[in-house]
Amino acid sequence: MRFIGGLLVIILLVLAGGIATGFIDLQKTRDGQLPQIAVKEGTLPKYEANVAKVEVGSRKETVDVPTVDVKKP
């Protein structure tokens, strides 16, 4: 990892030195522009679902609840 980092630093220094001394000359030959993007309206998909009918209600029910007695020794 150190080797790759050192190699990148050396390459950047060589490029910067070449540009600074005029050995490498960079000139823009054409202007750039962002790509054209067109947004058109669309439609959402439509779904139908057949599900079971659920009824919620209440009723009275009698439930026997056990009792618990705790006796200390």
N, C-alpha and C. Protein backbone atom coordinates (compact mmCIF):
# COMPACT_ATOMS: atom_id res chain seq x y z
N MET A 1 0.83 -1.18 0.00
CA MET A 1 0.00 0.00 0.00
C MET A 1 0.88 1.26 0.00
N ARG A 2 1.94 1.22 0.75
CA ARG A 2 2.86 2.36 0.78
C ARG A 2 3.54 2.56 -0.56
N PHE A 3 3.83 1.45 -1.22
CA PHE A 3 4.50 1.52 -2.52
C PHE A 3 3.61 2.22 -3.54
N ILE A 4 2.33 1.85 -3.57
CA ILE A 4 1.39 2.46 -4.52
C ILE A 4 1.21 3.94 -4.23
N GLY A 5 1.10 4.30 -2.95
CA GLY A 5 0.97 5.71 -2.57
C GLY A 5 2.20 6.51 -2.97
N GLY A 6 3.38 5.96 -2.72
CA GLY A 6 4.62 6.64 -3.10
C GLY A 6 4.74 6.80 -4.60
N LEU A 7 4.33 5.78 -5.33
CA LEU A 7 4.39 5.83 -6.79
C LEU A 7 3.45 6.91 -7.33
N LEU A 8 2.26 7.02 -6.77
CA LEU A 8 1.32 8.06 -7.18
C LEU A 8 1.86 9.46 -6.89
N VAL A 9 2.50 9.63 -5.75
CA VAL A 9 3.08 10.93 -5.40
C VAL A 9 4.18 11.31 -6.40
N ILE A 10 5.01 10.36 -6.76
CA ILE A 10 6.09 10.61 -7.71
C ILE A 10 5.52 10.99 -9.08
N ILE A 11 4.48 10.29 -9.51
CA ILE A 11 3.86 10.58 -10.81
C ILE A 11 3.26 11.98 -10.80
N LEU A 12 2.58 12.34 -9.72
CA LEU A 12 2.00 13.68 -9.63
C LEU A 12 3.07 14.76 -9.62
N LEU A 13 4.19 14.53 -8.94
CA LEU A 13 5.28 15.51 -8.93
C LEU A 13 5.90 15.67 -10.31
N VAL A 14 6.05 14.57 -11.04
CA VAL A 14 6.62 14.65 -12.40
C VAL A 14 5.68 15.43 -13.30
N LEU A 15 4.37 15.14 -13.22
CA LEU A 15 3.41 15.87 -14.03
C LEU A 15 3.38 17.36 -13.68
N ALA A 16 3.37 17.68 -12.39
CA ALA A 16 3.36 19.08 -11.96
C ALA A 16 4.63 19.80 -12.43
N GLY A 17 5.76 19.14 -12.33
CA GLY A 17 7.02 19.74 -12.80
C GLY A 17 7.02 19.95 -14.30
N GLY A 18 6.47 19.00 -15.05
CA GLY A 18 6.40 19.14 -16.51
C GLY A 18 5.50 20.29 -16.92
N ILE A 19 4.38 20.45 -16.23
CA ILE A 19 3.46 21.56 -16.54
C ILE A 19 4.09 22.89 -16.15
N ALA A 20 4.77 22.93 -14.99
CA ALA A 20 5.36 24.18 -14.50
C ALA A 20 6.51 24.64 -15.40
N THR A 21 7.28 23.73 -15.94
CA THR A 21 8.43 24.11 -16.78
C THR A 21 8.05 24.32 -18.24
N GLY A 22 6.83 24.00 -18.62
CA GLY A 22 6.41 24.18 -20.00
C GLY A 22 6.67 22.97 -20.87
N PHE A 23 7.21 21.90 -20.30
CA PHE A 23 7.46 20.68 -21.06
C PHE A 23 6.14 20.05 -21.50
N ILE A 24 5.12 20.14 -20.63
CA ILE A 24 3.78 19.66 -20.96
C ILE A 24 2.88 20.89 -21.10
N ASP A 25 2.23 21.03 -22.23
CA ASP A 25 1.38 22.18 -22.49
C ASP A 25 -0.05 21.69 -22.67
N LEU A 26 -0.93 22.12 -21.78
CA LEU A 26 -2.33 21.72 -21.85
C LEU A 26 -3.15 22.88 -22.37
N GLN A 27 -3.92 22.64 -23.44
CA GLN A 27 -4.78 23.66 -24.00
C GLN A 27 -6.15 23.05 -24.28
N LYS A 28 -7.17 23.82 -23.97
CA LYS A 28 -8.54 23.37 -24.22
C LYS A 28 -8.85 23.57 -25.68
N THR A 29 -9.30 22.51 -26.35
CA THR A 29 -9.60 22.59 -27.78
C THR A 29 -11.09 22.61 -28.07
N ARG A 30 -11.92 22.30 -27.08
CA ARG A 30 -13.37 22.29 -27.29
C ARG A 30 -14.04 22.52 -25.95
N ASP A 31 -15.13 23.30 -25.94
CA ASP A 31 -15.89 23.52 -24.71
C ASP A 31 -16.75 22.30 -24.41
N GLY A 32 -16.90 22.03 -23.15
CA GLY A 32 -17.75 20.93 -22.72
C GLY A 32 -19.13 21.43 -22.32
N GLN A 33 -20.08 20.53 -22.26
CA GLN A 33 -21.42 20.89 -21.82
C GLN A 33 -22.05 19.68 -21.14
N LEU A 34 -23.03 19.96 -20.30
CA LEU A 34 -23.74 18.90 -19.62
C LEU A 34 -24.68 18.19 -20.59
N PRO A 35 -24.97 16.92 -20.35
CA PRO A 35 -25.89 16.22 -21.23
C PRO A 35 -27.32 16.76 -21.10
N GLN A 36 -28.08 16.68 -22.18
CA GLN A 36 -29.46 17.13 -22.19
C GLN A 36 -30.35 16.00 -21.66
N ILE A 37 -31.19 16.34 -20.69
CA ILE A 37 -32.08 15.36 -20.09
C ILE A 37 -33.51 15.88 -20.23
N ALA A 38 -34.39 15.05 -20.76
CA ALA A 38 -35.80 15.43 -20.91
C ALA A 38 -36.63 14.54 -20.00
N VAL A 39 -37.53 15.16 -19.25
CA VAL A 39 -38.41 14.42 -18.35
C VAL A 39 -39.83 14.51 -18.89
N LYS A 40 -40.43 13.35 -19.13
CA LYS A 40 -41.79 13.29 -19.63
C LYS A 40 -42.67 12.66 -18.57
N GLU A 41 -43.95 13.05 -18.59
CA GLU A 41 -44.85 12.48 -17.59
C GLU A 41 -45.09 11.01 -17.90
N GLY A 42 -45.37 10.26 -16.85
CA GLY A 42 -45.60 8.84 -17.00
C GLY A 42 -46.84 8.41 -16.25
N THR A 43 -47.05 7.12 -16.16
CA THR A 43 -48.20 6.59 -15.42
C THR A 43 -47.71 5.52 -14.46
N LEU A 44 -48.42 5.41 -13.36
CA LEU A 44 -48.11 4.38 -12.39
C LEU A 44 -48.81 3.08 -12.80
N PRO A 45 -48.26 1.94 -12.44
CA PRO A 45 -48.93 0.69 -12.75
C PRO A 45 -50.18 0.53 -11.90
N LYS A 46 -51.16 -0.20 -12.40
CA LYS A 46 -52.41 -0.41 -11.69
C LYS A 46 -52.49 -1.88 -11.27
N TYR A 47 -52.91 -2.10 -10.02
CA TYR A 47 -53.02 -3.45 -9.48
C TYR A 47 -54.41 -3.67 -8.91
N GLU A 48 -54.89 -4.88 -9.01
CA GLU A 48 -56.12 -5.29 -8.35
C GLU A 48 -55.78 -6.46 -7.44
N ALA A 49 -56.34 -6.44 -6.24
CA ALA A 49 -56.06 -7.51 -5.28
C ALA A 49 -57.38 -8.03 -4.71
N ASN A 50 -57.56 -9.34 -4.75
CA ASN A 50 -58.71 -9.98 -4.15
C ASN A 50 -58.24 -10.64 -2.86
N VAL A 51 -58.70 -10.10 -1.74
CA VAL A 51 -58.26 -10.62 -0.45
C VAL A 51 -59.46 -11.11 0.34
N ALA A 52 -59.18 -11.88 1.38
CA ALA A 52 -60.24 -12.42 2.22
C ALA A 52 -60.87 -11.32 3.06
N LYS A 53 -62.16 -11.53 3.39
CA LYS A 53 -62.87 -10.55 4.21
C LYS A 53 -62.62 -10.87 5.67
N VAL A 54 -62.23 -9.87 6.43
CA VAL A 54 -61.94 -10.05 7.85
C VAL A 54 -62.94 -9.22 8.65
N GLU A 55 -63.61 -9.89 9.58
CA GLU A 55 -64.55 -9.19 10.46
C GLU A 55 -64.00 -9.19 11.87
N VAL A 56 -64.03 -8.03 12.50
CA VAL A 56 -63.53 -7.89 13.86
C VAL A 56 -64.71 -7.52 14.75
N GLY A 57 -64.82 -8.22 15.88
CA GLY A 57 -65.91 -7.94 16.80
C GLY A 57 -65.55 -8.39 18.20
N SER A 58 -66.52 -8.39 19.08
CA SER A 58 -66.29 -8.84 20.45
C SER A 58 -67.48 -9.65 20.91
N ARG A 59 -67.23 -10.50 21.92
CA ARG A 59 -68.31 -11.29 22.50
C ARG A 59 -67.97 -11.57 23.95
N LYS A 60 -68.97 -11.87 24.74
CA LYS A 60 -68.76 -12.17 26.16
C LYS A 60 -68.50 -13.66 26.30
N GLU A 61 -67.51 -13.97 27.11
CA GLU A 61 -67.12 -15.36 27.33
C GLU A 61 -66.69 -15.51 28.79
N THR A 62 -67.01 -16.64 29.39
CA THR A 62 -66.62 -16.93 30.77
C THR A 62 -65.40 -17.83 30.75
N VAL A 63 -64.35 -17.41 31.48
CA VAL A 63 -63.10 -18.16 31.51
C VAL A 63 -62.74 -18.41 32.97
N ASP A 64 -62.43 -19.69 33.31
CA ASP A 64 -61.97 -20.02 34.66
C ASP A 64 -60.49 -19.68 34.78
N VAL A 65 -60.17 -18.88 35.79
CA VAL A 65 -58.80 -18.46 36.03
C VAL A 65 -58.31 -19.16 37.29
N PRO A 66 -57.19 -19.89 37.23
CA PRO A 66 -56.68 -20.58 38.42
C PRO A 66 -56.15 -19.57 39.44
N THR A 67 -56.24 -19.94 40.71
CA THR A 67 -55.68 -19.11 41.77
C THR A 67 -54.39 -19.74 42.26
N VAL A 68 -53.48 -18.90 42.72
CA VAL A 68 -52.18 -19.36 43.19
C VAL A 68 -52.01 -18.90 44.61
N ASP A 69 -51.70 -19.85 45.51
CA ASP A 69 -51.42 -19.52 46.90
C ASP A 69 -49.94 -19.79 47.18
N VAL A 70 -49.28 -18.83 47.80
CA VAL A 70 -47.88 -18.99 48.15
C VAL A 70 -47.78 -19.06 49.64
N LYS A 71 -47.18 -20.17 50.15
CA LYS A 71 -47.03 -20.35 51.59
C LYS A 71 -45.54 -20.27 51.92
N LYS A 72 -45.24 -19.43 52.91
CA LYS A 72 -43.85 -19.29 53.33
C LYS A 72 -43.50 -20.42 54.27
N PRO A 73 -42.29 -20.97 54.20
CA PRO A 73 -41.91 -22.06 55.12
C PRO A 73 -41.66 -21.58 56.54
